[in-house]
Amino acid sequence: ASPSDSSSVISWSPPQQTNGELTGYTLSIEQLLDYGMPVNGSAMNASVDVTMTSYNWSGLSPGVPYQTCISAVNSLGPGDPWCKVFFTMEEVPSVAPVEVVVTRSS
């Protein structure tokens, strides 16, 4: 996964052993708490065509951990998932410093 502050692109290569003709891929992503448990209601899922080899997850929160998983799918259903944990990048500060004082030096 190649993360930014609010999106991440996951890319892959087709499995070497497909046990039949691939029909597509299923993907999932969910935000994790600091101790690795998923955040309730954060899961997103996608199904993509067999010709695709990347997917862009958008609408992510900056500076937090996520787990994304992908499974190859054939006529019998999805295979074992491959999963990876990553952090989105933090954003730059959105406000300027306050109460700045300039004093003359001697």
N, C-alpha and C. Protein backbone atom coordinates (compact mmCIF):
# COMPACT_ATOMS: atom_id res chain seq x y z
N ALA A 1 0.85 -1.19 0.00
CA ALA A 1 0.00 0.00 0.00
C ALA A 1 0.88 1.23 0.00
N SER A 2 0.50 2.23 -0.77
CA SER A 2 1.24 3.49 -0.79
C SER A 2 0.32 4.59 -0.27
N PRO A 3 0.43 4.92 1.04
CA PRO A 3 -0.53 5.82 1.66
C PRO A 3 -0.20 7.30 1.47
N SER A 4 -1.26 8.13 1.51
CA SER A 4 -1.13 9.57 1.63
C SER A 4 -1.87 9.93 2.92
N ASP A 5 -2.31 11.18 3.08
CA ASP A 5 -3.01 11.52 4.32
C ASP A 5 -4.48 11.08 4.31
N SER A 6 -5.09 10.90 3.12
CA SER A 6 -6.50 10.52 3.11
C SER A 6 -6.83 9.42 2.09
N SER A 7 -5.82 8.81 1.50
CA SER A 7 -6.05 7.72 0.56
C SER A 7 -4.86 6.77 0.57
N SER A 8 -5.08 5.60 -0.01
CA SER A 8 -4.01 4.61 -0.13
C SER A 8 -4.29 3.74 -1.35
N VAL A 9 -3.25 3.51 -2.15
CA VAL A 9 -3.37 2.63 -3.31
C VAL A 9 -2.76 1.29 -2.95
N ILE A 10 -3.55 0.23 -3.10
CA ILE A 10 -3.05 -1.12 -2.91
C ILE A 10 -2.89 -1.72 -4.30
N SER A 11 -1.76 -2.35 -4.55
CA SER A 11 -1.53 -2.98 -5.85
C SER A 11 -1.06 -4.41 -5.63
N TRP A 12 -1.26 -5.27 -6.63
CA TRP A 12 -0.96 -6.68 -6.49
C TRP A 12 -0.67 -7.31 -7.84
N SER A 13 -0.15 -8.52 -7.78
CA SER A 13 0.02 -9.36 -8.96
C SER A 13 -0.90 -10.56 -8.81
N PRO A 14 -1.42 -11.09 -9.92
CA PRO A 14 -2.31 -12.26 -9.81
C PRO A 14 -1.59 -13.43 -9.14
N PRO A 15 -2.33 -14.29 -8.45
CA PRO A 15 -1.70 -15.46 -7.83
C PRO A 15 -1.15 -16.41 -8.90
N GLN A 16 -0.06 -17.10 -8.54
CA GLN A 16 0.55 -18.02 -9.50
C GLN A 16 -0.29 -19.28 -9.66
N GLN A 17 -0.98 -19.70 -8.61
CA GLN A 17 -1.84 -20.88 -8.69
C GLN A 17 -3.27 -20.42 -8.39
N THR A 18 -4.14 -20.51 -9.38
CA THR A 18 -5.50 -19.97 -9.23
C THR A 18 -6.55 -21.02 -8.92
N ASN A 19 -6.23 -22.30 -9.08
CA ASN A 19 -7.21 -23.38 -8.84
C ASN A 19 -8.50 -23.15 -9.63
N GLY A 20 -8.36 -22.73 -10.86
CA GLY A 20 -9.49 -22.42 -11.72
C GLY A 20 -9.35 -21.02 -12.28
N GLU A 21 -10.30 -20.62 -13.09
CA GLU A 21 -10.23 -19.30 -13.71
C GLU A 21 -10.64 -18.22 -12.71
N LEU A 22 -9.77 -17.22 -12.55
CA LEU A 22 -10.10 -16.10 -11.67
C LEU A 22 -11.24 -15.28 -12.26
N THR A 23 -12.13 -14.82 -11.38
CA THR A 23 -13.24 -13.98 -11.82
C THR A 23 -13.12 -12.55 -11.28
N GLY A 24 -12.23 -12.33 -10.35
CA GLY A 24 -12.04 -10.99 -9.79
C GLY A 24 -11.31 -11.04 -8.47
N TYR A 25 -11.41 -9.93 -7.74
CA TYR A 25 -10.77 -9.79 -6.43
C TYR A 25 -11.75 -9.11 -5.48
N THR A 26 -11.71 -9.47 -4.21
CA THR A 26 -12.45 -8.75 -3.19
C THR A 26 -11.43 -8.06 -2.29
N LEU A 27 -11.74 -6.84 -1.92
CA LEU A 27 -10.86 -6.04 -1.07
C LEU A 27 -11.63 -5.52 0.12
N SER A 28 -10.93 -5.33 1.22
CA SER A 28 -11.55 -4.72 2.39
C SER A 28 -10.51 -3.84 3.07
N ILE A 29 -11.01 -2.87 3.82
CA ILE A 29 -10.14 -2.00 4.61
C ILE A 29 -10.90 -1.60 5.85
N GLU A 30 -10.19 -1.50 6.97
CA GLU A 30 -10.81 -0.99 8.19
C GLU A 30 -9.76 -0.28 9.03
N GLN A 31 -10.23 0.76 9.69
CA GLN A 31 -9.37 1.53 10.58
C GLN A 31 -9.14 0.72 11.85
N LEU A 32 -7.93 0.81 12.40
CA LEU A 32 -7.58 0.08 13.61
C LEU A 32 -7.37 1.04 14.77
N LEU A 33 -7.69 0.58 15.97
CA LEU A 33 -7.34 1.31 17.17
C LEU A 33 -5.85 1.09 17.43
N ASP A 34 -5.28 1.85 18.34
CA ASP A 34 -3.85 1.75 18.63
C ASP A 34 -3.41 0.35 19.02
N TYR A 35 -4.29 -0.44 19.60
CA TYR A 35 -3.91 -1.79 20.03
C TYR A 35 -4.34 -2.86 19.02
N GLY A 36 -4.67 -2.45 17.79
CA GLY A 36 -4.89 -3.39 16.71
C GLY A 36 -6.31 -3.87 16.48
N MET A 37 -7.23 -3.48 17.33
CA MET A 37 -8.62 -3.89 17.15
C MET A 37 -9.29 -2.96 16.14
N PRO A 38 -10.23 -3.46 15.33
CA PRO A 38 -10.90 -2.61 14.34
C PRO A 38 -11.84 -1.60 14.99
N VAL A 39 -11.95 -0.44 14.37
CA VAL A 39 -12.90 0.58 14.79
C VAL A 39 -14.28 0.18 14.26
N ASN A 40 -15.26 0.08 15.13
CA ASN A 40 -16.61 -0.31 14.71
C ASN A 40 -17.13 0.63 13.64
N GLY A 41 -17.69 0.06 12.57
CA GLY A 41 -18.30 0.84 11.51
C GLY A 41 -17.32 1.42 10.51
N SER A 42 -16.04 1.08 10.61
CA SER A 42 -15.05 1.67 9.69
C SER A 42 -14.77 0.81 8.47
N ALA A 43 -15.31 -0.39 8.41
CA ALA A 43 -14.99 -1.31 7.31
C ALA A 43 -15.61 -0.85 5.99
N MET A 44 -14.81 -0.95 4.93
CA MET A 44 -15.27 -0.70 3.57
C MET A 44 -14.88 -1.91 2.75
N ASN A 45 -15.69 -2.26 1.75
CA ASN A 45 -15.43 -3.41 0.89
C ASN A 45 -15.56 -3.02 -0.56
N ALA A 46 -14.84 -3.74 -1.41
CA ALA A 46 -14.93 -3.50 -2.86
C ALA A 46 -14.70 -4.82 -3.58
N SER A 47 -15.32 -4.96 -4.73
CA SER A 47 -15.08 -6.08 -5.63
C SER A 47 -14.61 -5.49 -6.95
N VAL A 48 -13.54 -6.04 -7.51
CA VAL A 48 -13.00 -5.50 -8.75
C VAL A 48 -12.83 -6.60 -9.79
N ASP A 49 -12.75 -6.18 -11.03
CA ASP A 49 -12.60 -7.08 -12.17
C ASP A 49 -11.25 -7.78 -12.12
N VAL A 50 -11.18 -8.95 -12.71
CA VAL A 50 -9.96 -9.75 -12.73
C VAL A 50 -8.81 -9.04 -13.45
N THR A 51 -9.11 -8.08 -14.33
CA THR A 51 -8.05 -7.37 -15.06
C THR A 51 -7.38 -6.28 -14.23
N MET A 52 -7.98 -5.91 -13.11
CA MET A 52 -7.41 -4.84 -12.27
C MET A 52 -6.27 -5.37 -11.41
N THR A 53 -5.26 -4.55 -11.21
CA THR A 53 -4.14 -4.92 -10.35
C THR A 53 -3.83 -3.83 -9.34
N SER A 54 -4.75 -2.88 -9.16
CA SER A 54 -4.60 -1.87 -8.11
C SER A 54 -5.96 -1.29 -7.77
N TYR A 55 -6.05 -0.70 -6.58
CA TYR A 55 -7.29 -0.08 -6.13
C TYR A 55 -6.95 1.07 -5.21
N ASN A 56 -7.67 2.18 -5.35
CA ASN A 56 -7.43 3.36 -4.53
C ASN A 56 -8.51 3.47 -3.45
N TRP A 57 -8.10 3.31 -2.19
CA TRP A 57 -9.01 3.56 -1.08
C TRP A 57 -8.95 5.05 -0.79
N SER A 58 -10.09 5.74 -0.77
CA SER A 58 -10.11 7.17 -0.47
C SER A 58 -11.03 7.43 0.72
N GLY A 59 -11.00 8.66 1.22
CA GLY A 59 -11.83 9.01 2.36
C GLY A 59 -11.29 8.50 3.68
N LEU A 60 -9.98 8.23 3.75
CA LEU A 60 -9.37 7.72 4.97
C LEU A 60 -9.01 8.88 5.91
N SER A 61 -8.88 8.58 7.17
CA SER A 61 -8.48 9.58 8.15
C SER A 61 -6.96 9.68 8.20
N PRO A 62 -6.41 10.88 8.35
CA PRO A 62 -4.96 11.03 8.37
C PRO A 62 -4.32 10.56 9.68
N GLY A 63 -3.12 9.99 9.55
CA GLY A 63 -2.29 9.64 10.70
C GLY A 63 -2.79 8.49 11.55
N VAL A 64 -3.56 7.57 10.99
CA VAL A 64 -4.07 6.45 11.77
C VAL A 64 -3.78 5.12 11.07
N PRO A 65 -3.79 4.02 11.83
CA PRO A 65 -3.53 2.71 11.22
C PRO A 65 -4.77 2.14 10.54
N TYR A 66 -4.53 1.43 9.44
CA TYR A 66 -5.56 0.71 8.72
C TYR A 66 -5.05 -0.68 8.40
N GLN A 67 -5.96 -1.62 8.23
CA GLN A 67 -5.62 -2.94 7.68
C GLN A 67 -6.41 -3.11 6.40
N THR A 68 -5.71 -3.46 5.32
CA THR A 68 -6.37 -3.75 4.06
C THR A 68 -6.09 -5.20 3.70
N CYS A 69 -7.08 -5.85 3.11
CA CYS A 69 -6.96 -7.26 2.72
C CYS A 69 -7.46 -7.43 1.30
N ILE A 70 -6.90 -8.40 0.59
CA ILE A 70 -7.34 -8.73 -0.76
C ILE A 70 -7.38 -10.25 -0.92
N SER A 71 -8.40 -10.72 -1.61
CA SER A 71 -8.54 -12.15 -1.93
C SER A 71 -8.83 -12.30 -3.41
N ALA A 72 -8.21 -13.30 -4.04
CA ALA A 72 -8.56 -13.66 -5.41
C ALA A 72 -9.84 -14.48 -5.36
N VAL A 73 -10.69 -14.32 -6.39
CA VAL A 73 -11.98 -15.00 -6.42
C VAL A 73 -12.08 -15.83 -7.70
N ASN A 74 -12.56 -17.09 -7.56
CA ASN A 74 -12.89 -17.90 -8.73
C ASN A 74 -14.35 -18.35 -8.60
N SER A 75 -14.78 -19.28 -9.40
CA SER A 75 -16.20 -19.68 -9.40
C SER A 75 -16.65 -20.29 -8.06
N LEU A 76 -15.72 -20.73 -7.24
CA LEU A 76 -16.07 -21.32 -5.94
C LEU A 76 -16.06 -20.30 -4.82
N GLY A 77 -15.60 -19.07 -5.10
CA GLY A 77 -15.59 -18.03 -4.07
C GLY A 77 -14.20 -17.48 -3.84
N PRO A 78 -14.03 -16.68 -2.77
CA PRO A 78 -12.73 -16.06 -2.49
C PRO A 78 -11.75 -17.05 -1.86
N GLY A 79 -10.47 -16.82 -2.18
CA GLY A 79 -9.41 -17.60 -1.55
C GLY A 79 -8.95 -16.93 -0.26
N ASP A 80 -7.85 -17.43 0.28
CA ASP A 80 -7.30 -16.85 1.50
C ASP A 80 -6.91 -15.40 1.26
N PRO A 81 -7.16 -14.53 2.24
CA PRO A 81 -6.80 -13.12 2.06
C PRO A 81 -5.32 -12.87 2.34
N TRP A 82 -4.78 -11.85 1.69
CA TRP A 82 -3.48 -11.29 2.02
C TRP A 82 -3.78 -9.96 2.68
N CYS A 83 -3.23 -9.71 3.87
CA CYS A 83 -3.54 -8.50 4.62
C CYS A 83 -2.28 -7.75 4.98
N LYS A 84 -2.41 -6.43 5.06
CA LYS A 84 -1.28 -5.58 5.44
C LYS A 84 -1.81 -4.42 6.28
N VAL A 85 -1.07 -4.10 7.34
CA VAL A 85 -1.37 -2.94 8.18
C VAL A 85 -0.46 -1.80 7.75
N PHE A 86 -1.02 -0.61 7.64
CA PHE A 86 -0.24 0.57 7.27
C PHE A 86 -0.83 1.79 7.97
N PHE A 87 -0.07 2.87 7.99
CA PHE A 87 -0.54 4.14 8.54
C PHE A 87 -0.69 5.15 7.42
N THR A 88 -1.79 5.90 7.44
CA THR A 88 -1.89 7.03 6.53
C THR A 88 -0.95 8.11 7.05
N MET A 89 -0.54 9.00 6.19
CA MET A 89 0.37 10.07 6.57
C MET A 89 -0.39 11.13 7.36
N GLU A 90 0.31 11.81 8.24
CA GLU A 90 -0.31 12.90 8.98
C GLU A 90 -0.38 14.13 8.10
N GLU A 91 -1.32 15.01 8.40
CA GLU A 91 -1.45 16.27 7.67
C GLU A 91 -0.53 17.32 8.30
N VAL A 92 -0.22 18.35 7.53
CA VAL A 92 0.51 19.49 8.08
C VAL A 92 -0.44 20.25 8.99
N PRO A 93 0.09 21.05 9.93
CA PRO A 93 -0.80 21.82 10.80
C PRO A 93 -1.74 22.71 9.98
N SER A 94 -2.99 22.79 10.40
CA SER A 94 -3.98 23.55 9.63
C SER A 94 -4.16 24.98 10.12
N VAL A 95 -3.51 25.34 11.23
CA VAL A 95 -3.61 26.70 11.74
C VAL A 95 -2.21 27.23 12.07
N ALA A 96 -2.08 28.54 12.00
CA ALA A 96 -0.80 29.18 12.33
C ALA A 96 -0.64 29.30 13.85
N PRO A 97 0.61 29.48 14.32
CA PRO A 97 0.82 29.72 15.75
C PRO A 97 0.06 30.98 16.19
N VAL A 98 -0.28 31.05 17.46
CA VAL A 98 -1.00 32.19 18.01
C VAL A 98 -0.21 32.86 19.11
N GLU A 99 -0.62 34.05 19.46
CA GLU A 99 0.01 34.82 20.54
C GLU A 99 1.51 34.94 20.33
N VAL A 100 1.91 35.26 19.12
CA VAL A 100 3.32 35.45 18.79
C VAL A 100 3.74 36.84 19.25
N VAL A 101 4.86 36.92 19.92
CA VAL A 101 5.38 38.20 20.42
C VAL A 101 6.77 38.41 19.84
N VAL A 102 6.99 39.60 19.34
CA VAL A 102 8.31 39.96 18.83
C VAL A 102 8.88 41.02 19.77
N THR A 103 10.08 40.75 20.27
CA THR A 103 10.74 41.71 21.15
C THR A 103 12.07 42.12 20.55
N ARG A 104 12.47 43.31 20.85
CA ARG A 104 13.73 43.83 20.33
C ARG A 104 14.88 43.25 21.13
N SER A 105 15.87 42.75 20.43
CA SER A 105 17.03 42.22 21.13
C SER A 105 18.11 43.28 21.20
N SER A 106 18.95 43.20 22.20
CA SER A 106 20.00 44.22 22.33
C SER A 106 21.35 43.74 21.86
